[in-house]
Amino acid sequence: MISSFLAPAVDVSLAVPADGSAPTGIGEGFAGAGLESGVWVHEVGTSTGDFGDEMFVVLSGRGVVTCQNGGRIDLAPGVVGVLHAGDITSWEITETLRKVWIVAAGE
């Protein structure tokens, strides 16, 4: 069986986190086959966090994500990235970022 979803890649609602970091939003779209995925939007600015084990594809936007333990991903349309659980990352976004993310179900 083929499954598909229409994630709100353009229509994700943004919220300013309590810590005052850049507005972000999430649109969850698909769950099945042991995976979950959706669209994440990050406005221009900086934020940090641990996103768990994740693979993502940048749809639009630019910036850099760095890990406190080393490593850097230059973000641009078409870039595929992998993050690992426990990695504290810093996102410095210079052009509003939209990415599709994929994680193991239940993470």
PDB file of N, CA and C in Angstrom:
ATOM      1  N   MET A   1       0.836  -1.183   0.000  1.00  0.00           N
ATOM      2  CA  MET A   1       0.000   0.000   0.000  1.00  0.00           C
ATOM      3  C   MET A   1       0.879   1.244   0.000  1.00  0.00           C
ATOM      4  N   ILE A   2       0.550   2.184  -0.819  1.00  0.00           N
ATOM      5  CA  ILE A   2       1.284   3.441  -0.881  1.00  0.00           C
ATOM      6  C   ILE A   2       0.564   4.458  -0.011  1.00  0.00           C
ATOM      7  N   SER A   3       1.320   5.121   0.835  1.00  0.00           N
ATOM      8  CA  SER A   3       0.758   6.175   1.677  1.00  0.00           C
ATOM      9  C   SER A   3       1.350   7.503   1.278  1.00  0.00           C
ATOM     10  N   SER A   4       0.582   8.544   1.396  1.00  0.00           N
ATOM     11  CA  SER A   4       1.101   9.879   1.112  1.00  0.00           C
ATOM     12  C   SER A   4       0.505  10.851   2.122  1.00  0.00           C
ATOM     13  N   PHE A   5       1.100  12.006   2.203  1.00  0.00           N
ATOM     14  CA  PHE A   5       0.572  13.035   3.090  1.00  0.00           C
ATOM     15  C   PHE A   5       0.832  14.393   2.483  1.00  0.00           C
ATOM     16  N   LEU A   6       0.006  15.315   2.865  1.00  0.00           N
ATOM     17  CA  LEU A   6       0.202  16.696   2.466  1.00  0.00           C
ATOM     18  C   LEU A   6       0.557  17.478   3.715  1.00  0.00           C
ATOM     19  N   ALA A   7       1.831  17.600   3.970  1.00  0.00           N
ATOM     20  CA  ALA A   7       2.274  18.384   5.123  1.00  0.00           C
ATOM     21  C   ALA A   7       2.122  19.856   4.773  1.00  0.00           C
ATOM     22  N   PRO A   8       1.763  20.657   5.729  1.00  0.00           N
ATOM     23  CA  PRO A   8       1.566  22.083   5.462  1.00  0.00           C
ATOM     24  C   PRO A   8       2.905  22.795   5.285  1.00  0.00           C
ATOM     25  N   ALA A   9       3.598  22.498   4.204  1.00  0.00           N
ATOM     26  CA  ALA A   9       4.944  23.027   3.993  1.00  0.00           C
ATOM     27  C   ALA A   9       4.960  24.545   3.898  1.00  0.00           C
ATOM     28  N   VAL A  10       3.871  25.134   3.490  1.00  0.00           N
ATOM     29  CA  VAL A  10       3.814  26.586   3.355  1.00  0.00           C
ATOM     30  C   VAL A  10       3.034  27.208   4.501  1.00  0.00           C
ATOM     31  N   ASP A  11       2.155  26.456   5.119  1.00  0.00           N
ATOM     32  CA  ASP A  11       1.187  26.983   6.068  1.00  0.00           C
ATOM     33  C   ASP A  11       1.450  26.611   7.523  1.00  0.00           C
ATOM     34  N   VAL A  12       2.678  26.378   7.910  1.00  0.00           N
ATOM     35  CA  VAL A  12       2.983  25.993   9.285  1.00  0.00           C
ATOM     36  C   VAL A  12       2.885  27.215  10.184  1.00  0.00           C
ATOM     37  N   SER A  13       2.143  27.085  11.293  1.00  0.00           N
ATOM     38  CA  SER A  13       2.017  28.185  12.250  1.00  0.00           C
ATOM     39  C   SER A  13       3.299  28.320  13.056  1.00  0.00           C
ATOM     40  N   LEU A  14       3.742  29.538  13.266  1.00  0.00           N
ATOM     41  CA  LEU A  14       4.966  29.797  14.012  1.00  0.00           C
ATOM     42  C   LEU A  14       4.647  30.287  15.413  1.00  0.00           C
ATOM     43  N   ALA A  15       5.512  29.923  16.348  1.00  0.00           N
ATOM     44  CA  ALA A  15       5.372  30.380  17.729  1.00  0.00           C
ATOM     45  C   ALA A  15       6.732  30.826  18.240  1.00  0.00           C
ATOM     46  N   VAL A  16       6.755  31.890  19.025  1.00  0.00           N
ATOM     47  CA  VAL A  16       8.003  32.357  19.627  1.00  0.00           C
ATOM     48  C   VAL A  16       8.195  31.571  20.928  1.00  0.00           C
ATOM     49  N   PRO A  17       9.315  30.835  21.051  1.00  0.00           N
ATOM     50  CA  PRO A  17       9.570  30.077  22.277  1.00  0.00           C
ATOM     51  C   PRO A  17       9.709  30.996  23.491  1.00  0.00           C
ATOM     52  N   ALA A  18       9.434  30.446  24.669  1.00  0.00           N
ATOM     53  CA  ALA A  18       9.501  31.218  25.912  1.00  0.00           C
ATOM     54  C   ALA A  18      10.873  31.823  26.150  1.00  0.00           C
ATOM     55  N   ASP A  19      11.935  31.165  25.625  1.00  0.00           N
ATOM     56  CA  ASP A  19      13.287  31.679  25.845  1.00  0.00           C
ATOM     57  C   ASP A  19      13.638  32.832  24.915  1.00  0.00           C
ATOM     58  N   GLY A  20      12.695  33.215  24.037  1.00  0.00           N
ATOM     59  CA  GLY A  20      12.921  34.349  23.148  1.00  0.00           C
ATOM     60  C   GLY A  20      13.711  34.028  21.901  1.00  0.00           C
ATOM     61  N   SER A  21      14.047  32.752  21.675  1.00  0.00           N
ATOM     62  CA  SER A  21      14.785  32.396  20.458  1.00  0.00           C
ATOM     63  C   SER A  21      13.866  32.554  19.247  1.00  0.00           C
ATOM     64  N   ALA A  22      14.404  32.326  18.074  1.00  0.00           N
ATOM     65  CA  ALA A  22      13.678  32.563  16.829  1.00  0.00           C
ATOM     66  C   ALA A  22      12.388  31.751  16.751  1.00  0.00           C
ATOM     67  N   PRO A  23      11.341  32.329  16.144  1.00  0.00           N
ATOM     68  CA  PRO A  23      10.086  31.601  15.985  1.00  0.00           C
ATOM     69  C   PRO A  23      10.275  30.323  15.158  1.00  0.00           C
ATOM     70  N   THR A  24       9.634  29.251  15.603  1.00  0.00           N
ATOM     71  CA  THR A  24       9.657  27.987  14.881  1.00  0.00           C
ATOM     72  C   THR A  24       8.244  27.426  14.829  1.00  0.00           C
ATOM     73  N   GLY A  25       8.025  26.488  13.930  1.00  0.00           N
ATOM     74  CA  GLY A  25       6.731  25.830  13.831  1.00  0.00           C
ATOM     75  C   GLY A  25       6.906  24.434  13.308  1.00  0.00           C
ATOM     76  N   ILE A  26       5.927  23.575  13.568  1.00  0.00           N
ATOM     77  CA  ILE A  26       6.006  22.194  13.120  1.00  0.00           C
ATOM     78  C   ILE A  26       4.652  21.765  12.566  1.00  0.00           C
ATOM     79  N   GLY A  27       4.690  21.031  11.480  1.00  0.00           N
ATOM     80  CA  GLY A  27       3.488  20.446  10.901  1.00  0.00           C
ATOM     81  C   GLY A  27       3.726  18.963  10.755  1.00  0.00           C
ATOM     82  N   GLU A  28       3.018  18.156  11.532  1.00  0.00           N
ATOM     83  CA  GLU A  28       3.198  16.715  11.450  1.00  0.00           C
ATOM     84  C   GLU A  28       2.333  16.181  10.326  1.00  0.00           C
ATOM     85  N   GLY A  29       2.898  15.222   9.578  1.00  0.00           N
ATOM     86  CA  GLY A  29       2.161  14.789   8.407  1.00  0.00           C
ATOM     87  C   GLY A  29       1.963  13.310   8.247  1.00  0.00           C
ATOM     88  N   PHE A  30       2.938  12.488   8.552  1.00  0.00           N
ATOM     89  CA  PHE A  30       2.858  11.076   8.228  1.00  0.00           C
ATOM     90  C   PHE A  30       3.332  10.229   9.390  1.00  0.00           C
ATOM     91  N   ALA A  31       2.619   9.159   9.661  1.00  0.00           N
ATOM     92  CA  ALA A  31       3.058   8.178  10.641  1.00  0.00           C
ATOM     93  C   ALA A  31       2.694   6.807  10.084  1.00  0.00           C
ATOM     94  N   GLY A  32       3.648   5.930  10.038  1.00  0.00           N
ATOM     95  CA  GLY A  32       3.422   4.584   9.535  1.00  0.00           C
ATOM     96  C   GLY A  32       4.729   3.937   9.184  1.00  0.00           C
ATOM     97  N   ALA A  33       4.729   2.626   9.063  1.00  0.00           N
ATOM     98  CA  ALA A  33       5.930   1.870   8.701  1.00  0.00           C
ATOM     99  C   ALA A  33       7.069   2.131   9.679  1.00  0.00           C
ATOM    100  N   GLY A  34       6.719   2.449  10.943  1.00  0.00           N
ATOM    101  CA  GLY A  34       7.743   2.691  11.952  1.00  0.00           C
ATOM    102  C   GLY A  34       8.391   4.056  11.876  1.00  0.00           C
ATOM    103  N   LEU A  35       7.824   4.969  11.074  1.00  0.00           N
ATOM    104  CA  LEU A  35       8.393   6.302  10.892  1.00  0.00           C
ATOM    105  C   LEU A  35       7.357   7.381  11.168  1.00  0.00           C
ATOM    106  N   GLU A  36       7.857   8.554  11.514  1.00  0.00           N
ATOM    107  CA  GLU A  36       7.034   9.756  11.604  1.00  0.00           C
ATOM    108  C   GLU A  36       7.758  10.849  10.833  1.00  0.00           C
ATOM    109  N   SER A  37       7.007  11.743  10.219  1.00  0.00           N
ATOM    110  CA  SER A  37       7.647  12.840   9.492  1.00  0.00           C
ATOM    111  C   SER A  37       6.748  14.062   9.497  1.00  0.00           C
ATOM    112  N   GLY A  38       7.311  15.163   9.091  1.00  0.00           N
ATOM    113  CA  GLY A  38       6.558  16.406   9.025  1.00  0.00           C
ATOM    114  C   GLY A  38       7.428  17.508   8.466  1.00  0.00           C
ATOM    115  N   VAL A  39       6.967  18.727   8.637  1.00  0.00           N
ATOM    116  CA  VAL A  39       7.679  19.909   8.147  1.00  0.00           C
ATOM    117  C   VAL A  39       7.982  20.799   9.343  1.00  0.00           C
ATOM    118  N   TRP A  40       9.202  21.313   9.397  1.00  0.00           N
ATOM    119  CA  TRP A  40       9.633  22.221  10.465  1.00  0.00           C
ATOM    120  C   TRP A  40      10.046  23.528   9.820  1.00  0.00           C
ATOM    121  N   VAL A  41       9.612  24.641  10.397  1.00  0.00           N
ATOM    122  CA  VAL A  41       9.949  25.972   9.890  1.00  0.00           C
ATOM    123  C   VAL A  41      10.672  26.736  10.991  1.00  0.00           C
ATOM    124  N   HIS A  42      11.739  27.433  10.615  1.00  0.00           N
ATOM    125  CA  HIS A  42      12.533  28.229  11.559  1.00  0.00           C
ATOM    126  C   HIS A  42      12.765  29.588  10.917  1.00  0.00           C
ATOM    127  N   GLU A  43      12.260  30.641  11.545  1.00  0.00           N
ATOM    128  CA  GLU A  43      12.472  31.998  11.052  1.00  0.00           C
ATOM    129  C   GLU A  43      13.939  32.400  11.224  1.00  0.00           C
ATOM    130  N   VAL A  44      14.323  33.515  10.635  1.00  0.00           N
ATOM    131  CA  VAL A  44      15.673  34.042  10.774  1.00  0.00           C
ATOM    132  C   VAL A  44      15.974  34.257  12.256  1.00  0.00           C
ATOM    133  N   GLY A  45      17.133  33.773  12.682  1.00  0.00           N
ATOM    134  CA  GLY A  45      17.533  33.884  14.075  1.00  0.00           C
ATOM    135  C   GLY A  45      18.259  32.626  14.515  1.00  0.00           C
ATOM    136  N   THR A  46      18.427  32.473  15.824  1.00  0.00           N
ATOM    137  CA  THR A  46      19.197  31.370  16.384  1.00  0.00           C
ATOM    138  C   THR A  46      18.382  30.631  17.435  1.00  0.00           C
ATOM    139  N   SER A  47      18.535  29.308  17.471  1.00  0.00           N
ATOM    140  CA  SER A  47      17.937  28.490  18.524  1.00  0.00           C
ATOM    141  C   SER A  47      18.841  27.288  18.772  1.00  0.00           C
ATOM    142  N   THR A  48      18.638  26.639  19.896  1.00  0.00           N
ATOM    143  CA  THR A  48      19.411  25.437  20.226  1.00  0.00           C
ATOM    144  C   THR A  48      18.462  24.352  20.690  1.00  0.00           C
ATOM    145  N   GLY A  49      18.934  23.101  20.592  1.00  0.00           N
ATOM    146  CA  GLY A  49      18.111  22.002  21.078  1.00  0.00           C
ATOM    147  C   GLY A  49      18.703  20.651  20.752  1.00  0.00           C
ATOM    148  N   ASP A  50      18.044  19.612  21.295  1.00  0.00           N
ATOM    149  CA  ASP A  50      18.364  18.214  21.016  1.00  0.00           C
ATOM    150  C   ASP A  50      17.140  17.635  20.337  1.00  0.00           C
ATOM    151  N   PHE A  51      17.265  17.301  19.083  1.00  0.00           N
ATOM    152  CA  PHE A  51      16.119  16.840  18.316  1.00  0.00           C
ATOM    153  C   PHE A  51      16.040  15.321  18.224  1.00  0.00           C
ATOM    154  N   GLY A  52      16.926  14.604  18.880  1.00  0.00           N
ATOM    155  CA  GLY A  52      16.920  13.145  18.798  1.00  0.00           C
ATOM    156  C   GLY A  52      17.475  12.674  17.469  1.00  0.00           C
ATOM    157  N   ASP A  53      17.361  11.373  17.210  1.00  0.00           N
ATOM    158  CA  ASP A  53      17.810  10.816  15.929  1.00  0.00           C
ATOM    159  C   ASP A  53      16.853  11.280  14.836  1.00  0.00           C
ATOM    160  N   GLU A  54      17.392  11.934  13.833  1.00  0.00           N
ATOM    161  CA  GLU A  54      16.554  12.517  12.785  1.00  0.00           C
ATOM    162  C   GLU A  54      17.311  12.608  11.480  1.00  0.00           C
ATOM    163  N   MET A  55      16.594  12.382  10.390  1.00  0.00           N
ATOM    164  CA  MET A  55      17.102  12.691   9.057  1.00  0.00           C
ATOM    165  C   MET A  55      16.201  13.796   8.520  1.00  0.00           C
ATOM    166  N   PHE A  56      16.791  14.766   7.820  1.00  0.00           N
ATOM    167  CA  PHE A  56      15.984  15.845   7.269  1.00  0.00           C
ATOM    168  C   PHE A  56      16.469  16.246   5.892  1.00  0.00           C
ATOM    169  N   VAL A  57      15.568  16.888   5.139  1.00  0.00           N
ATOM    170  CA  VAL A  57      15.879  17.446   3.824  1.00  0.00           C
ATOM    171  C   VAL A  57      15.416  18.896   3.832  1.00  0.00           C
ATOM    172  N   VAL A  58      16.302  19.805   3.491  1.00  0.00           N
ATOM    173  CA  VAL A  58      15.966  21.228   3.450  1.00  0.00           C
ATOM    174  C   VAL A  58      15.164  21.516   2.180  1.00  0.00           C
ATOM    175  N   LEU A  59      13.973  22.086   2.356  1.00  0.00           N
ATOM    176  CA  LEU A  59      13.137  22.477   1.222  1.00  0.00           C
ATOM    177  C   LEU A  59      13.504  23.870   0.732  1.00  0.00           C
ATOM    178  N   SER A  60      13.708  24.785   1.694  1.00  0.00           N
ATOM    179  CA  SER A  60      14.062  26.166   1.337  1.00  0.00           C
ATOM    180  C   SER A  60      14.743  26.816   2.523  1.00  0.00           C
ATOM    181  N   GLY A  61      15.446  27.897   2.233  1.00  0.00           N
ATOM    182  CA  GLY A  61      16.115  28.647   3.284  1.00  0.00           C
ATOM    183  C   GLY A  61      17.598  28.358   3.363  1.00  0.00           C
ATOM    184  N   ARG A  62      18.252  29.093   4.264  1.00  0.00           N
ATOM    185  CA  ARG A  62      19.706  28.958   4.422  1.00  0.00           C
ATOM    186  C   ARG A  62      20.100  29.188   5.865  1.00  0.00           C
ATOM    187  N   GLY A  63      21.248  28.631   6.211  1.00  0.00           N
ATOM    188  CA  GLY A  63      21.804  28.806   7.537  1.00  0.00           C
ATOM    189  C   GLY A  63      22.843  27.734   7.808  1.00  0.00           C
ATOM    190  N   VAL A  64      23.167  27.572   9.087  1.00  0.00           N
ATOM    191  CA  VAL A  64      24.164  26.598   9.515  1.00  0.00           C
ATOM    192  C   VAL A  64      23.656  25.945  10.796  1.00  0.00           C
ATOM    193  N   VAL A  65      23.823  24.633  10.892  1.00  0.00           N
ATOM    194  CA  VAL A  65      23.560  23.941  12.144  1.00  0.00           C
ATOM    195  C   VAL A  65      24.891  23.358  12.603  1.00  0.00           C
ATOM    196  N   THR A  66      25.239  23.624  13.864  1.00  0.00           N
ATOM    197  CA  THR A  66      26.478  23.096  14.431  1.00  0.00           C
ATOM    198  C   THR A  66      26.146  22.293  15.683  1.00  0.00           C
ATOM    199  N   CYS A  67      27.015  21.337  15.981  1.00  0.00           N
ATOM    200  CA  CYS A  67      26.830  20.488  17.146  1.00  0.00           C
ATOM    201  C   CYS A  67      27.870  20.862  18.191  1.00  0.00           C
ATOM    202  N   GLN A  68      27.477  20.833  19.465  1.00  0.00           N
ATOM    203  CA  GLN A  68      28.420  21.183  20.533  1.00  0.00           C
ATOM    204  C   GLN A  68      29.623  20.243  20.540  1.00  0.00           C
ATOM    205  N   ASN A  69      29.479  19.023  20.029  1.00  0.00           N
ATOM    206  CA  ASN A  69      30.576  18.055  19.985  1.00  0.00           C
ATOM    207  C   ASN A  69      31.377  18.135  18.691  1.00  0.00           C
ATOM    208  N   GLY A  70      31.113  19.149  17.875  1.00  0.00           N
ATOM    209  CA  GLY A  70      31.786  19.290  16.593  1.00  0.00           C
ATOM    210  C   GLY A  70      30.833  18.906  15.475  1.00  0.00           C
ATOM    211  N   GLY A  71      31.166  19.272  14.290  1.00  0.00           N
ATOM    212  CA  GLY A  71      30.324  18.990  13.141  1.00  0.00           C
ATOM    213  C   GLY A  71      29.511  20.209  12.749  1.00  0.00           C
ATOM    214  N   ARG A  72      29.270  20.312  11.461  1.00  0.00           N
ATOM    215  CA  ARG A  72      28.573  21.465  10.901  1.00  0.00           C
ATOM    216  C   ARG A  72      27.859  21.015   9.636  1.00  0.00           C
ATOM    217  N   ILE A  73      26.642  21.517   9.464  1.00  0.00           N
ATOM    218  CA  ILE A  73      25.914  21.288   8.217  1.00  0.00           C
ATOM    219  C   ILE A  73      25.528  22.660   7.681  1.00  0.00           C
ATOM    220  N   ASP A  74      25.993  22.976   6.473  1.00  0.00           N
ATOM    221  CA  ASP A  74      25.580  24.205   5.803  1.00  0.00           C
ATOM    222  C   ASP A  74      24.218  23.938   5.176  1.00  0.00           C
ATOM    223  N   LEU A  75      23.219  24.670   5.607  1.00  0.00           N
ATOM    224  CA  LEU A  75      21.842  24.432   5.192  1.00  0.00           C
ATOM    225  C   LEU A  75      21.498  25.236   3.950  1.00  0.00           C
ATOM    226  N   ALA A  76      20.946  24.541   2.953  1.00  0.00           N
ATOM    227  CA  ALA A  76      20.502  25.152   1.702  1.00  0.00           C
ATOM    228  C   ALA A  76      19.519  24.175   1.060  1.00  0.00           C
ATOM    229  N   PRO A  77      18.679  24.642   0.146  1.00  0.00           N
ATOM    230  CA  PRO A  77      17.720  23.738  -0.482  1.00  0.00           C
ATOM    231  C   PRO A  77      18.392  22.486  -1.050  1.00  0.00           C
ATOM    232  N   GLY A  78      17.790  21.331  -0.736  1.00  0.00           N
ATOM    233  CA  GLY A  78      18.295  20.054  -1.231  1.00  0.00           C
ATOM    234  C   GLY A  78      19.274  19.357  -0.309  1.00  0.00           C
ATOM    235  N   VAL A  79      19.780  20.042   0.706  1.00  0.00           N
ATOM    236  CA  VAL A  79      20.741  19.433   1.630  1.00  0.00           C
ATOM    237  C   VAL A  79      20.019  18.395   2.496  1.00  0.00           C
ATOM    238  N   VAL A  80      20.645  17.220   2.642  1.00  0.00           N
ATOM    239  CA  VAL A  80      20.151  16.161   3.514  1.00  0.00           C
ATOM    240  C   VAL A  80      21.072  16.109   4.725  1.00  0.00           C
ATOM    241  N   GLY A  81      20.487  16.108   5.920  1.00  0.00           N
ATOM    242  CA  GLY A  81      21.277  16.073   7.141  1.00  0.00           C
ATOM    243  C   GLY A  81      20.820  14.967   8.066  1.00  0.00           C
ATOM    244  N   VAL A  82      21.704  14.565   8.961  1.00  0.00           N
ATOM    245  CA  VAL A  82      21.388  13.555   9.974  1.00  0.00           C
ATOM    246  C   VAL A  82      21.824  14.104  11.326  1.00  0.00           C
ATOM    247  N   LEU A  83      20.924  14.047  12.301  1.00  0.00           N
ATOM    248  CA  LEU A  83      21.218  14.441  13.670  1.00  0.00           C
ATOM    249  C   LEU A  83      21.108  13.207  14.560  1.00  0.00           C
ATOM    250  N   HIS A  84      21.850  13.193  15.641  1.00  0.00           N
ATOM    251  CA  HIS A  84      21.846  12.048  16.551  1.00  0.00           C
ATOM    252  C   HIS A  84      21.317  12.461  17.918  1.00  0.00           C
ATOM    253  N   ALA A  85      20.592  11.549  18.561  1.00  0.00           N
ATOM    254  CA  ALA A  85      20.060  11.804  19.898  1.00  0.00           C
ATOM    255  C   ALA A  85      21.197  12.193  20.833  1.00  0.00           C
ATOM    256  N   GLY A  86      20.954  13.189  21.662  1.00  0.00           N
ATOM    257  CA  GLY A  86      21.954  13.638  22.618  1.00  0.00           C
ATOM    258  C   GLY A  86      22.838  14.748  22.091  1.00  0.00           C
ATOM    259  N   ASP A  87      22.828  14.978  20.776  1.00  0.00           N
ATOM    260  CA  ASP A  87      23.614  16.076  20.211  1.00  0.00           C
ATOM    261  C   ASP A  87      22.873  17.390  20.447  1.00  0.00           C
ATOM    262  N   ILE A  88      23.497  18.308  21.166  1.00  0.00           N
ATOM    263  CA  ILE A  88      22.918  19.638  21.341  1.00  0.00           C
ATOM    264  C   ILE A  88      23.360  20.468  20.141  1.00  0.00           C
ATOM    265  N   THR A  89      22.386  20.939  19.379  1.00  0.00           N
ATOM    266  CA  THR A  89      22.685  21.661  18.151  1.00  0.00           C
ATOM    267  C   THR A  89      22.306  23.131  18.269  1.00  0.00           C
ATOM    268  N   SER A  90      23.021  23.956  17.528  1.00  0.00           N
ATOM    269  CA  SER A  90      22.726  25.376  17.423  1.00  0.00           C
ATOM    270  C   SER A  90      22.364  25.658  15.964  1.00  0.00           C
ATOM    271  N   TRP A  91      21.205  26.255  15.771  1.00  0.00           N
ATOM    272  CA  TRP A  91      20.704  26.588  14.433  1.00  0.00           C
ATOM    273  C   TRP A  91      20.815  28.084  14.234  1.00  0.00           C
ATOM    274  N   GLU A  92      21.654  28.505  13.290  1.00  0.00           N
ATOM    275  CA  GLU A  92      21.801  29.920  12.940  1.00  0.00           C
ATOM    276  C   GLU A  92      21.205  30.087  11.550  1.00  0.00           C
ATOM    277  N   ILE A  93      20.000  30.604  11.495  1.00  0.00           N
ATOM    278  CA  ILE A  93      19.247  30.677  10.243  1.00  0.00           C
ATOM    279  C   ILE A  93      19.303  32.097   9.687  1.00  0.00           C
ATOM    280  N   THR A  94      19.751  32.206   8.430  1.00  0.00           N
ATOM    281  CA  THR A  94      19.893  33.507   7.784  1.00  0.00           C
ATOM    282  C   THR A  94      18.778  33.780   6.777  1.00  0.00           C
ATOM    283  N   GLU A  95      18.039  32.748   6.389  1.00  0.00           N
ATOM    284  CA  GLU A  95      16.893  32.862   5.483  1.00  0.00           C
ATOM    285  C   GLU A  95      15.882  31.811   5.943  1.00  0.00           C
ATOM    286  N   THR A  96      14.632  32.200   6.172  1.00  0.00           N
ATOM    287  CA  THR A  96      13.640  31.293   6.745  1.00  0.00           C
ATOM    288  C   THR A  96      13.783  29.873   6.195  1.00  0.00           C
ATOM    289  N   LEU A  97      13.947  28.930   7.116  1.00  0.00           N
ATOM    290  CA  LEU A  97      14.225  27.533   6.778  1.00  0.00           C
ATOM    291  C   LEU A  97      12.947  26.697   6.840  1.00  0.00           C
ATOM    292  N   ARG A  98      12.760  25.843   5.850  1.00  0.00           N
ATOM    293  CA  ARG A  98      11.703  24.827   5.851  1.00  0.00           C
ATOM    294  C   ARG A  98      12.378  23.504   5.542  1.00  0.00           C
ATOM    295  N   LYS A  99      12.146  22.523   6.421  1.00  0.00           N
ATOM    296  CA  LYS A  99      12.743  21.208   6.199  1.00  0.00           C
ATOM    297  C   LYS A  99      11.705  20.127   6.451  1.00  0.00           C
ATOM    298  N   VAL A 100      11.825  19.024   5.738  1.00  0.00           N
ATOM    299  CA  VAL A 100      11.050  17.822   6.005  1.00  0.00           C
ATOM    300  C   VAL A 100      11.911  16.971   6.913  1.00  0.00           C
ATOM    301  N   TRP A 101      11.339  16.492   8.032  1.00  0.00           N
ATOM    302  CA  TRP A 101      12.074  15.660   8.976  1.00  0.00           C
ATOM    303  C   TRP A 101      11.463  14.267   9.036  1.00  0.00           C
ATOM    304  N   ILE A 102      12.313  13.284   9.316  1.00  0.00           N
ATOM    305  CA  ILE A 102      11.883  11.885   9.432  1.00  0.00           C
ATOM    306  C   ILE A 102      12.562  11.302  10.668  1.00  0.00           C
ATOM    307  N   VAL A 103      11.761  10.682  11.530  1.00  0.00           N
ATOM    308  CA  VAL A 103      12.279  10.045  12.752  1.00  0.00           C
ATOM    309  C   VAL A 103      11.633   8.679  12.903  1.00  0.00           C
ATOM    310  N   ALA A 104      12.235   7.844  13.747  1.00  0.00           N
ATOM    311  CA  ALA A 104      11.616   6.575  14.097  1.00  0.00           C
ATOM    312  C   ALA A 104      10.371   6.870  14.934  1.00  0.00           C
ATOM    313  N   ALA A 105       9.295   6.138  14.714  1.00  0.00           N
ATOM    314  CA  ALA A 105       8.058   6.349  15.453  1.00  0.00           C
ATOM    315  C   ALA A 105       8.298   6.243  16.949  1.00  0.00           C
ATOM    316  N   GLY A 106       7.674   7.143  17.688  1.00  0.00           N
ATOM    317  CA  GLY A 106       7.780   7.112  19.151  1.00  0.00           C
ATOM    318  C   GLY A 106       8.939   7.885  19.716  1.00  0.00           C
ATOM    319  N   GLU A 107       9.750   8.535  18.889  1.00  0.00           N
ATOM    320  CA  GLU A 107      10.884   9.306  19.420  1.00  0.00           C
ATOM    321  C   GLU A 107      10.448  10.692  19.809  1.00  0.00           C
TER     322      GLU A 107
END
